[in-house]
Each structure stands twice: as structure tokens, then as C-alpha cells.
N, C-alpha and C. Protein backbone atom coordinates (compact mmCIF):
# COMPACT_ATOMS: atom_id res chain seq x y z
N MET A 1 0.86 -1.17 0.00
CA MET A 1 0.00 0.00 0.00
C MET A 1 0.90 1.23 0.00
N ASP A 2 0.59 2.20 -0.85
CA ASP A 2 1.44 3.37 -0.89
C ASP A 2 1.22 4.23 0.36
N ALA A 3 2.20 5.05 0.68
CA ALA A 3 2.20 5.84 1.91
C ALA A 3 1.02 6.81 1.99
N GLU A 4 0.67 7.42 0.87
CA GLU A 4 -0.43 8.38 0.87
C GLU A 4 -1.76 7.71 1.22
N LEU A 5 -2.01 6.55 0.60
CA LEU A 5 -3.24 5.82 0.88
C LEU A 5 -3.27 5.33 2.33
N LYS A 6 -2.16 4.82 2.81
CA LYS A 6 -2.09 4.35 4.18
C LYS A 6 -2.39 5.48 5.17
N LYS A 7 -1.83 6.65 4.90
CA LYS A 7 -2.07 7.81 5.77
C LYS A 7 -3.55 8.21 5.71
N LEU A 8 -4.11 8.26 4.52
CA LEU A 8 -5.51 8.63 4.34
C LEU A 8 -6.43 7.68 5.09
N LEU A 9 -6.19 6.37 4.97
CA LEU A 9 -7.02 5.38 5.64
C LEU A 9 -6.89 5.45 7.16
N SER A 10 -5.72 5.83 7.64
CA SER A 10 -5.51 5.89 9.09
C SER A 10 -5.99 7.19 9.71
N THR A 11 -6.27 8.20 8.88
CA THR A 11 -6.68 9.50 9.43
C THR A 11 -8.10 9.92 9.06
N THR A 12 -8.78 9.12 8.25
CA THR A 12 -10.13 9.50 7.83
C THR A 12 -11.08 9.63 9.02
N ASP A 13 -11.95 10.60 8.98
CA ASP A 13 -12.95 10.75 10.03
C ASP A 13 -14.15 9.84 9.77
N GLN A 14 -14.09 9.05 8.72
CA GLN A 14 -15.16 8.10 8.40
C GLN A 14 -14.94 6.74 9.08
N ALA A 15 -13.76 6.54 9.70
CA ALA A 15 -13.49 5.28 10.40
C ALA A 15 -14.38 5.18 11.63
N SER A 16 -14.56 3.97 12.11
CA SER A 16 -15.45 3.76 13.24
C SER A 16 -14.83 2.80 14.26
N PRO A 17 -14.85 3.17 15.53
CA PRO A 17 -14.41 2.23 16.57
C PRO A 17 -15.51 1.23 16.95
N THR A 18 -16.71 1.40 16.37
CA THR A 18 -17.83 0.55 16.76
C THR A 18 -18.26 -0.46 15.70
N ARG A 19 -17.66 -0.42 14.52
CA ARG A 19 -17.96 -1.36 13.44
C ARG A 19 -16.66 -1.94 12.92
N ALA A 20 -16.69 -3.25 12.61
CA ALA A 20 -15.49 -3.89 12.07
C ALA A 20 -15.90 -4.85 10.95
N CYS A 21 -15.05 -4.92 9.96
CA CYS A 21 -15.25 -5.82 8.83
C CYS A 21 -13.93 -6.55 8.57
N PHE A 22 -14.03 -7.83 8.24
CA PHE A 22 -12.81 -8.60 8.00
C PHE A 22 -13.05 -9.62 6.90
N LEU A 23 -11.93 -10.11 6.34
CA LEU A 23 -11.96 -11.12 5.28
C LEU A 23 -11.22 -12.37 5.72
N LEU A 24 -11.73 -13.51 5.30
CA LEU A 24 -11.07 -14.80 5.44
C LEU A 24 -11.21 -15.52 4.11
N ARG A 25 -10.32 -16.45 3.81
CA ARG A 25 -10.44 -17.25 2.58
C ARG A 25 -10.66 -18.70 2.97
N VAL A 26 -11.78 -19.26 2.53
CA VAL A 26 -12.13 -20.63 2.82
C VAL A 26 -11.66 -21.52 1.67
N ARG A 27 -11.11 -22.68 2.02
CA ARG A 27 -10.65 -23.63 1.00
C ARG A 27 -11.85 -24.08 0.16
N PRO A 28 -11.74 -24.02 -1.16
CA PRO A 28 -12.89 -24.34 -2.03
C PRO A 28 -13.52 -25.70 -1.74
N GLU A 29 -12.71 -26.69 -1.46
CA GLU A 29 -13.23 -28.04 -1.22
C GLU A 29 -13.92 -28.17 0.14
N CYS A 30 -13.83 -27.14 0.97
CA CYS A 30 -14.42 -27.17 2.31
C CYS A 30 -15.62 -26.25 2.48
N LEU A 31 -16.03 -25.57 1.41
CA LEU A 31 -17.08 -24.55 1.54
C LEU A 31 -18.38 -25.09 2.13
N THR A 32 -18.85 -26.21 1.64
CA THR A 32 -20.12 -26.75 2.11
C THR A 32 -20.04 -27.10 3.59
N GLU A 33 -18.99 -27.80 3.98
CA GLU A 33 -18.84 -28.19 5.38
C GLU A 33 -18.67 -26.96 6.27
N TYR A 34 -17.92 -25.98 5.81
CA TYR A 34 -17.72 -24.75 6.57
C TYR A 34 -19.04 -24.05 6.86
N VAL A 35 -19.90 -23.95 5.85
CA VAL A 35 -21.21 -23.33 6.04
C VAL A 35 -22.06 -24.19 6.97
N GLN A 36 -22.01 -25.50 6.81
CA GLN A 36 -22.78 -26.39 7.68
C GLN A 36 -22.38 -26.22 9.15
N VAL A 37 -21.08 -26.14 9.41
CA VAL A 37 -20.60 -25.97 10.79
C VAL A 37 -21.17 -24.70 11.40
N HIS A 38 -21.30 -23.66 10.59
CA HIS A 38 -21.80 -22.39 11.10
C HIS A 38 -23.32 -22.38 11.33
N GLN A 39 -23.98 -23.45 10.92
CA GLN A 39 -25.40 -23.57 11.24
C GLN A 39 -25.60 -24.07 12.66
N HIS A 40 -24.49 -24.52 13.29
CA HIS A 40 -24.54 -25.09 14.63
C HIS A 40 -23.38 -24.59 15.49
N VAL A 41 -23.16 -23.29 15.51
CA VAL A 41 -22.09 -22.71 16.32
C VAL A 41 -22.36 -23.07 17.79
N TRP A 42 -21.30 -23.49 18.47
CA TRP A 42 -21.43 -23.92 19.86
C TRP A 42 -22.09 -22.83 20.70
N ASP A 43 -22.94 -23.25 21.62
CA ASP A 43 -23.61 -22.31 22.52
C ASP A 43 -22.60 -21.50 23.33
N ASP A 44 -21.52 -22.16 23.81
CA ASP A 44 -20.54 -21.42 24.61
C ASP A 44 -19.74 -20.43 23.76
N MET A 45 -19.61 -20.69 22.47
CA MET A 45 -18.96 -19.73 21.58
C MET A 45 -19.87 -18.52 21.37
N ARG A 46 -21.15 -18.77 21.13
CA ARG A 46 -22.11 -17.68 20.97
C ARG A 46 -22.14 -16.81 22.23
N GLN A 47 -22.14 -17.45 23.39
CA GLN A 47 -22.18 -16.71 24.65
C GLN A 47 -20.91 -15.89 24.85
N ALA A 48 -19.76 -16.46 24.51
CA ALA A 48 -18.50 -15.74 24.64
C ALA A 48 -18.47 -14.51 23.74
N LEU A 49 -18.96 -14.64 22.53
CA LEU A 49 -19.03 -13.49 21.63
C LEU A 49 -19.89 -12.38 22.23
N SER A 50 -21.04 -12.76 22.73
CA SER A 50 -21.94 -11.78 23.36
C SER A 50 -21.29 -11.15 24.59
N ASP A 51 -20.68 -11.99 25.43
CA ASP A 51 -20.03 -11.49 26.64
C ASP A 51 -18.88 -10.54 26.32
N ALA A 52 -18.19 -10.77 25.19
CA ALA A 52 -17.07 -9.92 24.78
C ALA A 52 -17.54 -8.62 24.12
N GLY A 53 -18.86 -8.50 23.91
CA GLY A 53 -19.41 -7.27 23.37
C GLY A 53 -19.72 -7.28 21.89
N TRP A 54 -19.56 -8.44 21.22
CA TRP A 54 -19.88 -8.53 19.80
C TRP A 54 -21.40 -8.53 19.64
N ARG A 55 -21.89 -7.76 18.67
CA ARG A 55 -23.31 -7.77 18.33
C ARG A 55 -23.46 -7.51 16.83
N ASN A 56 -24.63 -7.84 16.31
CA ASN A 56 -24.89 -7.71 14.87
C ASN A 56 -23.77 -8.37 14.06
N TYR A 57 -23.32 -9.52 14.53
CA TYR A 57 -22.23 -10.25 13.87
C TYR A 57 -22.80 -11.06 12.72
N SER A 58 -22.26 -10.85 11.54
CA SER A 58 -22.70 -11.55 10.34
C SER A 58 -21.51 -12.05 9.55
N LEU A 59 -21.71 -13.17 8.87
CA LEU A 59 -20.73 -13.69 7.92
C LEU A 59 -21.40 -13.82 6.56
N PHE A 60 -20.66 -13.44 5.52
CA PHE A 60 -21.15 -13.51 4.15
C PHE A 60 -20.11 -14.28 3.35
N LEU A 61 -20.55 -15.03 2.35
CA LEU A 61 -19.63 -15.87 1.59
C LEU A 61 -19.77 -15.64 0.10
N ASP A 62 -18.65 -15.37 -0.56
CA ASP A 62 -18.60 -15.36 -2.02
C ASP A 62 -18.20 -16.77 -2.44
N VAL A 63 -19.16 -17.55 -2.86
CA VAL A 63 -18.93 -18.96 -3.17
C VAL A 63 -17.91 -19.12 -4.30
N ALA A 64 -17.90 -18.22 -5.25
CA ALA A 64 -16.99 -18.33 -6.40
C ALA A 64 -15.53 -18.24 -5.99
N THR A 65 -15.22 -17.46 -4.96
CA THR A 65 -13.83 -17.26 -4.56
C THR A 65 -13.49 -17.84 -3.19
N GLY A 66 -14.50 -18.22 -2.43
CA GLY A 66 -14.26 -18.69 -1.06
C GLY A 66 -13.96 -17.58 -0.09
N THR A 67 -14.20 -16.34 -0.51
CA THR A 67 -13.96 -15.20 0.37
C THR A 67 -15.12 -15.06 1.34
N CYS A 68 -14.78 -15.05 2.61
CA CYS A 68 -15.76 -14.86 3.68
C CYS A 68 -15.58 -13.45 4.21
N VAL A 69 -16.67 -12.70 4.24
CA VAL A 69 -16.68 -11.34 4.78
C VAL A 69 -17.40 -11.38 6.11
N GLY A 70 -16.74 -10.91 7.14
CA GLY A 70 -17.35 -10.84 8.46
C GLY A 70 -17.57 -9.40 8.86
N TYR A 71 -18.64 -9.17 9.59
CA TYR A 71 -18.98 -7.83 10.06
C TYR A 71 -19.54 -7.96 11.46
N PHE A 72 -19.12 -7.05 12.36
CA PHE A 72 -19.74 -6.99 13.67
C PHE A 72 -19.65 -5.59 14.23
N GLU A 73 -20.46 -5.36 15.25
CA GLU A 73 -20.46 -4.09 15.94
C GLU A 73 -20.18 -4.34 17.41
N ALA A 74 -19.60 -3.36 18.07
CA ALA A 74 -19.32 -3.40 19.51
C ALA A 74 -19.11 -1.97 19.97
N ASP A 75 -19.19 -1.75 21.26
CA ASP A 75 -18.90 -0.41 21.77
C ASP A 75 -17.47 -0.01 21.42
N ASP A 76 -16.56 -0.98 21.44
CA ASP A 76 -15.15 -0.80 21.07
C ASP A 76 -14.71 -2.09 20.41
N THR A 77 -14.62 -2.10 19.08
CA THR A 77 -14.33 -3.35 18.37
C THR A 77 -12.96 -3.91 18.70
N SER A 78 -11.98 -3.04 18.93
CA SER A 78 -10.64 -3.54 19.29
C SER A 78 -10.70 -4.26 20.63
N ALA A 79 -11.36 -3.66 21.61
CA ALA A 79 -11.48 -4.29 22.93
C ALA A 79 -12.28 -5.59 22.84
N ALA A 80 -13.32 -5.61 22.01
CA ALA A 80 -14.14 -6.81 21.85
C ALA A 80 -13.33 -7.95 21.23
N GLN A 81 -12.48 -7.62 20.25
CA GLN A 81 -11.62 -8.63 19.63
C GLN A 81 -10.61 -9.17 20.64
N GLU A 82 -10.03 -8.29 21.44
CA GLU A 82 -9.07 -8.71 22.45
C GLU A 82 -9.74 -9.59 23.51
N ALA A 83 -10.93 -9.21 23.94
CA ALA A 83 -11.65 -10.00 24.94
C ALA A 83 -11.96 -11.39 24.40
N MET A 84 -12.35 -11.46 23.14
CA MET A 84 -12.66 -12.75 22.54
C MET A 84 -11.41 -13.61 22.41
N ALA A 85 -10.31 -13.00 22.01
CA ALA A 85 -9.05 -13.74 21.84
C ALA A 85 -8.57 -14.36 23.14
N ALA A 86 -8.97 -13.78 24.26
CA ALA A 86 -8.52 -14.26 25.57
C ALA A 86 -9.36 -15.42 26.11
N THR A 87 -10.41 -15.81 25.39
CA THR A 87 -11.28 -16.87 25.91
C THR A 87 -10.80 -18.26 25.48
N GLU A 88 -11.04 -19.22 26.34
CA GLU A 88 -10.67 -20.61 26.06
C GLU A 88 -11.51 -21.17 24.91
N VAL A 89 -12.81 -20.82 24.87
CA VAL A 89 -13.67 -21.34 23.82
C VAL A 89 -13.24 -20.82 22.45
N ASN A 90 -12.77 -19.59 22.38
CA ASN A 90 -12.28 -19.07 21.11
C ASN A 90 -11.04 -19.83 20.66
N THR A 91 -10.17 -20.17 21.58
CA THR A 91 -8.98 -20.96 21.23
C THR A 91 -9.40 -22.29 20.62
N ARG A 92 -10.38 -22.95 21.25
CA ARG A 92 -10.88 -24.23 20.71
C ARG A 92 -11.55 -24.05 19.36
N TRP A 93 -12.37 -23.00 19.23
CA TRP A 93 -13.08 -22.75 17.97
C TRP A 93 -12.09 -22.48 16.84
N GLN A 94 -11.11 -21.62 17.10
CA GLN A 94 -10.13 -21.29 16.06
C GLN A 94 -9.34 -22.53 15.63
N ALA A 95 -9.01 -23.40 16.58
CA ALA A 95 -8.30 -24.64 16.25
C ALA A 95 -9.17 -25.53 15.38
N ALA A 96 -10.46 -25.62 15.69
CA ALA A 96 -11.38 -26.44 14.90
C ALA A 96 -11.61 -25.86 13.51
N MET A 97 -11.57 -24.55 13.38
CA MET A 97 -11.85 -23.89 12.10
C MET A 97 -10.63 -23.78 11.19
N ALA A 98 -9.44 -23.86 11.74
CA ALA A 98 -8.21 -23.61 10.97
C ALA A 98 -8.13 -24.44 9.70
N ARG A 99 -8.62 -25.66 9.73
CA ARG A 99 -8.50 -26.55 8.57
C ARG A 99 -9.32 -26.07 7.36
N TYR A 100 -10.27 -25.17 7.59
CA TYR A 100 -11.13 -24.69 6.51
C TYR A 100 -10.51 -23.54 5.72
N PHE A 101 -9.47 -22.93 6.25
CA PHE A 101 -8.96 -21.70 5.65
C PHE A 101 -7.76 -21.93 4.76
N VAL A 102 -7.67 -21.10 3.72
CA VAL A 102 -6.56 -21.12 2.79
C VAL A 102 -5.30 -20.72 3.55
N GLN A 103 -4.23 -21.43 3.34
CA GLN A 103 -2.95 -21.13 3.97
C GLN A 103 -2.15 -20.21 3.05
N PRO A 104 -1.20 -19.42 3.49
CA PRO A 104 -0.61 -19.46 4.82
C PRO A 104 -1.37 -18.64 5.85
N GLU A 105 -2.37 -17.86 5.44
CA GLU A 105 -3.07 -17.00 6.39
C GLU A 105 -3.81 -17.81 7.45
N GLY A 106 -4.23 -19.03 7.11
CA GLY A 106 -5.02 -19.81 8.05
C GLY A 106 -6.28 -19.07 8.42
N GLY A 107 -6.60 -19.03 9.69
CA GLY A 107 -7.80 -18.35 10.15
C GLY A 107 -7.55 -16.92 10.57
N THR A 108 -6.41 -16.36 10.18
CA THR A 108 -6.12 -14.98 10.55
C THR A 108 -6.91 -14.03 9.65
N ALA A 109 -7.74 -13.23 10.27
CA ALA A 109 -8.60 -12.33 9.50
C ALA A 109 -7.83 -11.11 9.03
N GLN A 110 -8.15 -10.68 7.84
CA GLN A 110 -7.62 -9.42 7.30
C GLN A 110 -8.66 -8.35 7.65
N ILE A 111 -8.31 -7.46 8.57
CA ILE A 111 -9.22 -6.40 8.99
C ILE A 111 -9.24 -5.32 7.90
N LEU A 112 -10.42 -4.92 7.50
CA LEU A 112 -10.55 -3.91 6.45
C LEU A 112 -10.79 -2.53 7.07
N PRO A 113 -10.08 -1.52 6.59
CA PRO A 113 -10.31 -0.16 7.11
C PRO A 113 -11.59 0.42 6.53
N GLN A 114 -12.34 1.09 7.36
CA GLN A 114 -13.54 1.79 6.90
C GLN A 114 -13.14 3.19 6.46
N TYR A 115 -13.60 3.59 5.28
CA TYR A 115 -13.27 4.92 4.79
C TYR A 115 -14.50 5.72 4.37
N PHE A 116 -15.69 5.11 4.50
CA PHE A 116 -16.93 5.82 4.21
C PHE A 116 -18.05 5.16 5.00
N HIS A 117 -18.97 6.01 5.50
CA HIS A 117 -20.15 5.51 6.20
C HIS A 117 -21.30 6.49 6.02
N LEU A 118 -22.45 5.96 5.62
CA LEU A 118 -23.67 6.76 5.50
C LEU A 118 -24.62 6.25 6.57
N PRO A 119 -24.78 7.00 7.66
CA PRO A 119 -25.68 6.55 8.73
C PRO A 119 -27.15 6.61 8.32
């Protein structure tokens, strides 16, 4: 990313501490199973997300590319991500999900910067 764009994205007043969007890449041969698993997310995982402050959490999938787009809101998305990362259930969930993701990124999400918002 060029320096000008990086500076613009880091200084825009359109960014939000309460909304976050991220990308993951799912292995093409695992798409069906990956979606099926998400139809039955563990109750303790759902509770941990809520307890960490995640709300309006959604996942979207581009089947053609295996790109998964995630979106959630929180009072402070950085704090909510840190709180979730510190939970035991998240460690177990991430370990179970790692096999579905394209390597080398694995299950590491690419956080997307927000540069425009129309309330």
C-alpha cells in the first residue's frame, strides 16, 4: 500500500471504533462443510461473543472465490476482539476452524479499514 493511501485510511474521520469488517479465505473443497458448521455454532462460543461485546455479527460468503466477509459491531471493536481472543472457547473454535482456511493465512482475519459511512 502506498504511503499516501495508508495515511488517508488511518486519518479519515469516516473510520469507526464501533464497526469492524474482515476477510477470510475458505478452502474451495471445504465450503459446504464450513457453512454447515456455522449452522450449529457452539452455545458457549455464541455466549463468549456476546459477553465480549460482539453484536450484529454476520458472515457472508462469495462462493466463487471462497472469500468470507465478516462484520460486527461493539462499543469498542478492538477491545471486543481482544476480549474474545482471551477466551478458552475461542482458542478451541479457532483450532477447529483452521482446517477450513486457505494457507498461509489460516484463520487470521484481514481487517478492512472503513473509509466511508452513510448513517
